[in-house]
Amino acid sequence: LALASELTPPPDCRVPVETDLLMLRTTLATQGVGQMGADARIVLELTAPDSAWHGAASFYQGVSLHLLGDSSAAMPMLRRAAALTALESPIMQSLALAQMAIISCGDDDLGSAARLIGEAQGQVERCGLREFPVTVLVYAVEAMVRAIEGQKRTARAGTSSGLRLLSKLNSFPPWYEIEARLALTRASLQLGDPEAARDLLAQARSRLDLTPDAAVLEAWTDQLEQDLINREGDPAPTGSPLTKAEMRTLQYLPTHLSFRQIGEANDVSQNTVKTQARAIYRKLAASSRAQAVEAAREAGLLDRQAPGP
């Protein structure tokens, strides 16, 4: 409902009542993220390109595509949402930028993630929105990205703001709450606070059944659970050696290439590289790319002096 109120069109906007109701259902996402995307697509088809709803509908369709596993199709929709809402809805623009930052992190493109979340956080601060609970995702993602970068002071500040805003959320869509908690979980792990990570992860896991078609959220939760096991020193689930394909991907991890770029270099898909990287992290008991590289060097799988291809 808070998101819906933020998206109320201006008084001079003439939109059919049916479209209003459909947009409300899209915002609440009570029937899953797949239906959220389908509803958003209908709104885009029923309204004129200059409609006040186009930015919001583009955002929700982009989020739906991302959570269903099609990040390559999600990014153009989210970019469009950010452009359309820059003036009329700074909260929506900041959320679109935060979503793109999450996707960039998942693609191991930390540079893009840092730039995008910096834009989002700057918009929130400039518009005086930092006390709005709906901006929790911006601070959660900022904490995650800065923690991965090693900027611990900024990451802790973002985590503190995220947790404070998270406690104020009321009647928000399940996918939104889960994303915020998972981003804060990743930040807490990177900051060396496994107890906080465990609590946040349990809260996220308990809400997954409310949005069962969001495959990306379930996969992210599973990965964080494994990262937590590895961080707490329990044995990795397998001691299997790396496969030849995983070894090829490992050689690129010390570089600044994104998963997409590594895939292009090896003539495989971005998702294949992502799957191989996760397997490498698991087998090396690592929770990040940097930790995997260090563990591989300690194990003699990488030349300690070589920066990579």
Protein backbone atom coordinates (compact mmCIF):
# COMPACT_ATOMS: atom_id res chain seq x y z
CA LEU A 1 0.00 0.00 0.00
CA ALA A 2 2.89 2.34 0.70
CA LEU A 3 4.27 1.68 -2.76
CA ALA A 4 0.82 2.20 -4.27
CA SER A 5 0.39 5.57 -2.60
CA GLU A 6 3.78 6.68 -3.91
CA LEU A 7 2.62 5.83 -7.44
CA THR A 8 -0.67 7.79 -7.38
CA PRO A 9 -0.93 9.56 -10.76
CA PRO A 10 -1.43 13.32 -10.98
CA PRO A 11 -5.03 14.65 -10.89
CA ASP A 12 -5.06 15.45 -14.60
CA CYS A 13 -4.14 11.89 -15.56
CA ARG A 14 -7.16 10.10 -17.03
CA VAL A 15 -6.70 6.35 -16.59
CA PRO A 16 -9.54 3.80 -16.67
CA VAL A 17 -10.59 2.54 -13.25
CA GLU A 18 -9.78 -1.02 -14.38
CA THR A 19 -6.18 0.03 -15.04
CA ASP A 20 -5.95 1.64 -11.61
CA LEU A 21 -7.08 -1.59 -9.98
CA LEU A 22 -4.74 -3.64 -12.12
CA MET A 23 -1.83 -1.41 -11.12
CA LEU A 24 -2.75 -1.82 -7.48
CA ARG A 25 -2.72 -5.62 -7.88
CA THR A 26 0.63 -5.33 -9.64
CA THR A 27 2.04 -3.30 -6.75
CA LEU A 28 0.82 -5.68 -4.04
CA ALA A 29 1.91 -8.81 -5.99
CA THR A 30 -0.44 -11.03 -4.02
CA GLN A 31 -0.50 -13.63 -6.81
CA GLY A 32 3.24 -14.02 -7.25
CA VAL A 33 5.93 -12.28 -9.25
CA GLY A 34 4.93 -13.97 -12.50
CA GLN A 35 1.43 -12.50 -12.30
CA MET A 36 2.94 -9.18 -11.22
CA GLY A 37 4.87 -9.07 -14.47
CA ALA A 38 1.86 -10.13 -16.54
CA ASP A 39 -0.30 -7.42 -14.94
CA ALA A 40 2.41 -4.81 -15.53
CA ARG A 41 2.62 -5.80 -19.18
CA ILE A 42 -1.15 -5.33 -19.58
CA VAL A 43 -0.92 -1.88 -18.00
CA LEU A 44 1.76 -0.95 -20.52
CA GLU A 45 -0.46 -2.18 -23.35
CA LEU A 46 -3.59 -0.38 -22.14
CA THR A 47 -2.09 3.02 -21.42
CA ALA A 48 -0.48 5.67 -23.60
CA PRO A 49 3.34 5.92 -23.66
CA ASP A 50 3.18 9.20 -21.74
CA SER A 51 0.95 7.71 -19.02
CA ALA A 52 2.03 8.26 -15.42
CA TRP A 53 1.80 4.49 -14.98
CA HIS A 54 4.44 3.56 -17.57
CA GLY A 55 7.43 4.10 -15.31
CA ALA A 56 5.93 2.01 -12.49
CA ALA A 57 4.70 -0.73 -14.83
CA SER A 58 8.14 -0.93 -16.44
CA PHE A 59 9.67 -1.27 -12.98
CA TYR A 60 7.40 -4.12 -11.94
CA GLN A 61 7.83 -5.96 -15.20
CA GLY A 62 11.60 -5.62 -14.85
CA VAL A 63 11.53 -6.93 -11.29
CA SER A 64 9.33 -9.84 -12.37
CA LEU A 65 11.70 -10.81 -15.19
CA HIS A 66 14.67 -10.64 -12.82
CA LEU A 67 13.06 -12.74 -10.09
CA LEU A 68 11.94 -15.32 -12.65
CA GLY A 69 15.54 -15.66 -13.83
CA ASP A 70 15.73 -13.52 -16.98
CA SER A 71 18.07 -10.74 -15.90
CA SER A 72 19.11 -9.88 -19.48
CA ALA A 73 15.49 -8.95 -20.31
CA ALA A 74 15.00 -7.28 -16.93
CA MET A 75 17.77 -4.70 -17.29
CA PRO A 76 16.26 -2.76 -20.25
CA MET A 77 12.90 -2.55 -18.47
CA LEU A 78 14.53 -1.31 -15.27
CA ARG A 79 16.60 1.25 -17.17
CA ARG A 80 13.41 2.48 -18.82
CA ALA A 81 11.71 2.68 -15.42
CA ALA A 82 14.59 4.70 -13.98
CA ALA A 83 14.46 7.15 -16.89
CA LEU A 84 10.68 7.60 -16.79
CA THR A 85 10.47 8.12 -13.02
CA ALA A 86 13.48 10.42 -12.57
CA LEU A 87 11.30 13.50 -12.04
CA GLU A 88 7.85 12.24 -11.09
CA SER A 89 8.81 9.53 -8.59
CA PRO A 90 12.33 9.65 -7.10
CA ILE A 91 11.56 6.70 -4.84
CA MET A 92 10.64 4.54 -7.82
CA GLN A 93 13.76 5.64 -9.68
CA SER A 94 15.98 4.80 -6.72
CA LEU A 95 14.37 1.34 -6.44
CA ALA A 96 14.91 0.70 -10.16
CA LEU A 97 18.58 1.62 -9.76
CA ALA A 98 18.87 -0.64 -6.70
CA GLN A 99 17.37 -3.55 -8.65
CA MET A 100 19.90 -3.04 -11.42
CA ALA A 101 22.67 -3.00 -8.81
CA ILE A 102 21.46 -6.36 -7.48
CA ILE A 103 21.55 -7.84 -10.97
CA SER A 104 25.03 -6.40 -11.57
CA CYS A 105 26.25 -7.96 -8.31
CA GLY A 106 24.81 -11.29 -9.40
CA ASP A 107 26.72 -10.93 -12.68
CA ASP A 108 29.87 -10.12 -10.70
CA ASP A 109 30.01 -6.64 -12.25
CA LEU A 110 30.88 -4.80 -9.06
CA GLY A 111 31.84 -1.60 -10.84
CA SER A 112 28.37 -1.18 -12.35
CA ALA A 113 26.72 -2.20 -9.08
CA ALA A 114 28.67 0.47 -7.17
CA ARG A 115 27.78 3.17 -9.70
CA LEU A 116 24.08 2.27 -9.77
CA ILE A 117 23.61 2.09 -6.02
CA GLY A 118 25.56 5.32 -5.64
CA GLU A 119 23.04 7.02 -7.94
CA ALA A 120 20.14 5.50 -6.02
CA GLN A 121 21.47 6.51 -2.62
CA GLY A 122 22.24 10.01 -3.88
CA GLN A 123 18.66 10.42 -5.13
CA VAL A 124 17.26 9.30 -1.78
CA GLU A 125 19.45 11.74 0.11
CA ARG A 126 18.80 14.69 -2.22
CA CYS A 127 15.03 14.23 -2.01
CA GLY A 128 14.95 13.80 1.77
CA LEU A 129 13.62 10.23 1.58
CA ARG A 130 15.98 8.46 3.97
CA GLU A 131 13.29 7.97 6.64
CA PHE A 132 10.79 6.41 4.21
CA PRO A 133 10.61 2.62 4.91
CA VAL A 134 10.18 1.96 1.19
CA THR A 135 13.82 3.02 0.65
CA VAL A 136 15.09 0.10 2.75
CA LEU A 137 16.21 -1.77 -0.36
CA VAL A 138 18.47 1.11 -1.37
CA TYR A 139 20.30 1.05 1.94
CA ALA A 140 20.39 -2.75 2.06
CA VAL A 141 21.94 -2.97 -1.40
CA GLU A 142 24.33 -0.12 -0.60
CA ALA A 143 25.48 -2.05 2.47
CA MET A 144 25.96 -5.20 0.41
CA VAL A 145 27.92 -3.52 -2.37
CA ARG A 146 30.15 -1.49 -0.05
CA ALA A 147 30.84 -4.55 2.10
CA ILE A 148 31.92 -6.52 -0.96
CA GLU A 149 34.14 -3.58 -1.97
CA GLY A 150 35.73 -3.63 1.49
CA GLN A 151 34.35 -0.23 2.51
CA LYS A 152 33.40 -1.47 5.95
CA ARG A 153 32.53 1.85 7.55
CA THR A 154 30.07 2.79 4.79
CA ALA A 155 28.72 -0.75 4.73
CA ARG A 156 28.02 -0.70 8.47
CA ALA A 157 26.21 2.62 8.15
CA GLY A 158 24.09 1.23 5.32
CA THR A 159 23.35 -1.91 7.31
CA SER A 160 22.26 0.14 10.32
CA SER A 161 19.92 2.26 8.17
CA GLY A 162 18.60 -0.82 6.41
CA LEU A 163 17.80 -2.65 9.64
CA ARG A 164 16.11 0.42 11.08
CA LEU A 165 13.90 0.87 8.03
CA LEU A 166 13.25 -2.85 7.80
CA SER A 167 11.68 -2.76 11.27
CA LYS A 168 9.19 -0.17 9.99
CA LEU A 169 7.99 -2.08 6.93
CA ASN A 170 4.32 -2.94 7.04
CA SER A 171 2.27 -4.83 4.43
CA PHE A 172 4.95 -4.75 1.75
CA PRO A 173 5.11 -7.34 -1.06
CA PRO A 174 6.97 -10.50 0.04
CA TRP A 175 9.53 -10.28 -2.76
CA TYR A 176 10.56 -6.82 -1.59
CA GLU A 177 11.05 -7.80 2.04
CA ILE A 178 12.97 -10.92 1.05
CA GLU A 179 15.31 -9.02 -1.27
CA ALA A 180 16.08 -6.47 1.43
CA ARG A 181 16.82 -9.18 4.00
CA LEU A 182 19.03 -11.15 1.62
CA ALA A 183 21.05 -8.06 0.70
CA LEU A 184 21.55 -7.31 4.40
CA THR A 185 22.47 -10.96 4.98
CA ARG A 186 25.22 -10.71 2.37
CA ALA A 187 26.44 -7.47 3.91
CA SER A 188 26.50 -9.00 7.40
CA LEU A 189 28.48 -11.99 6.15
CA GLN A 190 31.03 -9.76 4.46
CA LEU A 191 31.30 -7.67 7.64
CA GLY A 192 31.99 -10.75 9.76
CA ASP A 193 28.69 -10.83 11.66
CA PRO A 194 27.37 -14.38 11.12
CA GLU A 195 24.81 -14.11 13.94
CA ALA A 196 23.04 -11.18 12.28
CA ALA A 197 23.32 -12.93 8.91
CA ARG A 198 21.73 -16.08 10.35
CA ASP A 199 18.76 -14.18 11.78
CA LEU A 200 18.14 -12.21 8.58
CA LEU A 201 18.45 -15.34 6.46
CA ALA A 202 15.95 -17.21 8.63
CA GLN A 203 13.48 -14.34 8.26
CA ALA A 204 13.93 -14.37 4.49
CA ARG A 205 13.54 -18.16 4.29
CA SER A 206 10.30 -18.02 6.30
CA ARG A 207 8.75 -15.74 3.67
CA LEU A 208 9.75 -17.65 0.55
CA ASP A 209 6.52 -19.66 0.48
CA LEU A 210 4.64 -16.37 0.00
CA THR A 211 6.23 -15.94 -3.43
CA PRO A 212 6.98 -19.50 -4.61
CA ASP A 213 7.63 -18.59 -8.25
CA ALA A 214 10.53 -16.22 -7.44
CA ALA A 215 13.23 -18.74 -8.35
CA VAL A 216 16.05 -16.21 -8.04
CA LEU A 217 15.18 -15.46 -4.41
CA GLU A 218 15.22 -19.15 -3.49
CA ALA A 219 18.55 -19.68 -5.25
CA TRP A 220 20.03 -16.61 -3.52
CA THR A 221 18.79 -17.87 -0.15
CA ASP A 222 20.33 -21.30 -0.77
CA GLN A 223 23.64 -19.74 -1.74
CA LEU A 224 23.74 -17.53 1.35
CA GLU A 225 22.96 -20.51 3.56
CA GLN A 226 25.96 -22.30 2.07
CA ASP A 227 28.09 -19.19 2.47
CA LEU A 228 27.10 -19.05 6.13
CA ILE A 229 28.08 -22.69 6.64
CA ASN A 230 31.44 -22.03 4.99
CA ARG A 231 32.03 -18.86 7.00
CA GLU A 232 31.31 -20.62 10.30
CA GLY A 233 33.93 -23.22 9.53
CA ASP A 234 31.80 -26.27 8.88
CA PRO A 235 33.11 -28.63 6.24
CA ALA A 236 32.06 -27.90 2.68
CA PRO A 237 29.41 -30.27 1.36
CA THR A 238 31.79 -31.82 -1.11
CA GLY A 239 35.53 -32.14 -1.37
CA SER A 240 35.27 -32.71 -5.09
CA PRO A 241 38.03 -31.34 -7.28
CA LEU A 242 37.17 -28.59 -9.71
CA THR A 243 36.02 -29.73 -13.12
CA LYS A 244 37.88 -28.67 -16.27
CA ALA A 245 35.16 -26.10 -17.01
CA GLU A 246 35.36 -24.74 -13.47
CA MET A 247 39.15 -24.52 -13.74
CA ARG A 248 38.77 -22.47 -16.93
CA THR A 249 36.42 -20.08 -15.16
CA LEU A 250 38.69 -19.95 -12.10
CA GLN A 251 41.54 -18.54 -14.22
CA TYR A 252 39.42 -15.45 -14.92
CA LEU A 253 38.30 -14.77 -11.34
CA PRO A 254 41.42 -12.71 -10.43
CA THR A 255 40.56 -10.31 -13.28
CA HIS A 256 37.95 -7.55 -13.33
CA LEU A 257 35.91 -9.27 -16.04
CA SER A 258 32.21 -9.73 -15.30
CA PHE A 259 30.51 -13.12 -15.63
CA ARG A 260 29.09 -11.98 -18.96
CA GLN A 261 32.56 -11.09 -20.25
CA ILE A 262 34.04 -14.37 -18.98
CA GLY A 263 31.25 -16.22 -20.77
CA GLU A 264 32.02 -14.39 -24.02
CA ALA A 265 35.71 -15.26 -23.69
CA ASN A 266 34.88 -18.94 -23.22
CA ASP A 267 31.94 -19.07 -25.65
CA VAL A 268 29.43 -20.04 -22.94
CA SER A 269 26.43 -18.27 -21.45
CA GLN A 270 26.55 -15.87 -18.53
CA ASN A 271 24.35 -18.24 -16.49
CA THR A 272 26.79 -21.09 -17.13
CA VAL A 273 29.65 -18.98 -15.76
CA LYS A 274 27.53 -17.98 -12.78
CA THR A 275 26.77 -21.64 -12.01
CA GLN A 276 30.43 -22.60 -12.34
CA ALA A 277 31.51 -19.72 -10.08
CA ARG A 278 29.06 -20.80 -7.38
CA ALA A 279 30.42 -24.33 -7.57
CA ILE A 280 33.96 -22.98 -7.23
CA TYR A 281 32.98 -20.91 -4.18
CA ARG A 282 31.33 -23.94 -2.58
CA LYS A 283 34.24 -26.28 -3.21
CA LEU A 284 36.76 -23.74 -1.95
CA ALA A 285 34.62 -22.83 1.10
CA ALA A 286 34.51 -19.21 -0.06
CA SER A 287 31.68 -16.70 0.10
CA SER A 288 32.98 -14.16 -2.42
CA ARG A 289 35.09 -13.93 -5.55
CA ALA A 290 38.05 -12.48 -3.66
CA GLN A 291 37.94 -15.26 -1.07
CA ALA A 292 37.75 -17.89 -3.83
CA VAL A 293 40.82 -16.41 -5.54
CA GLU A 294 42.79 -16.39 -2.28
CA ALA A 295 41.73 -19.96 -1.44
CA ALA A 296 42.66 -21.12 -4.94
CA ARG A 297 46.09 -19.55 -4.61
CA GLU A 298 46.60 -21.16 -1.22
CA ALA A 299 45.66 -24.50 -2.78
CA GLY A 300 48.06 -24.00 -5.66
CA LEU A 301 45.29 -23.75 -8.25
CA LEU A 302 46.35 -20.23 -9.24
CA ASP A 303 49.77 -18.64 -9.51
CA ARG A 304 50.03 -16.30 -6.53
CA GLN A 305 51.86 -13.70 -8.61
CA ALA A 306 49.72 -13.86 -11.73
CA PRO A 307 46.84 -11.40 -11.93
CA GLY A 308 44.95 -13.68 -14.32
CA PRO A 309 44.44 -13.71 -18.08
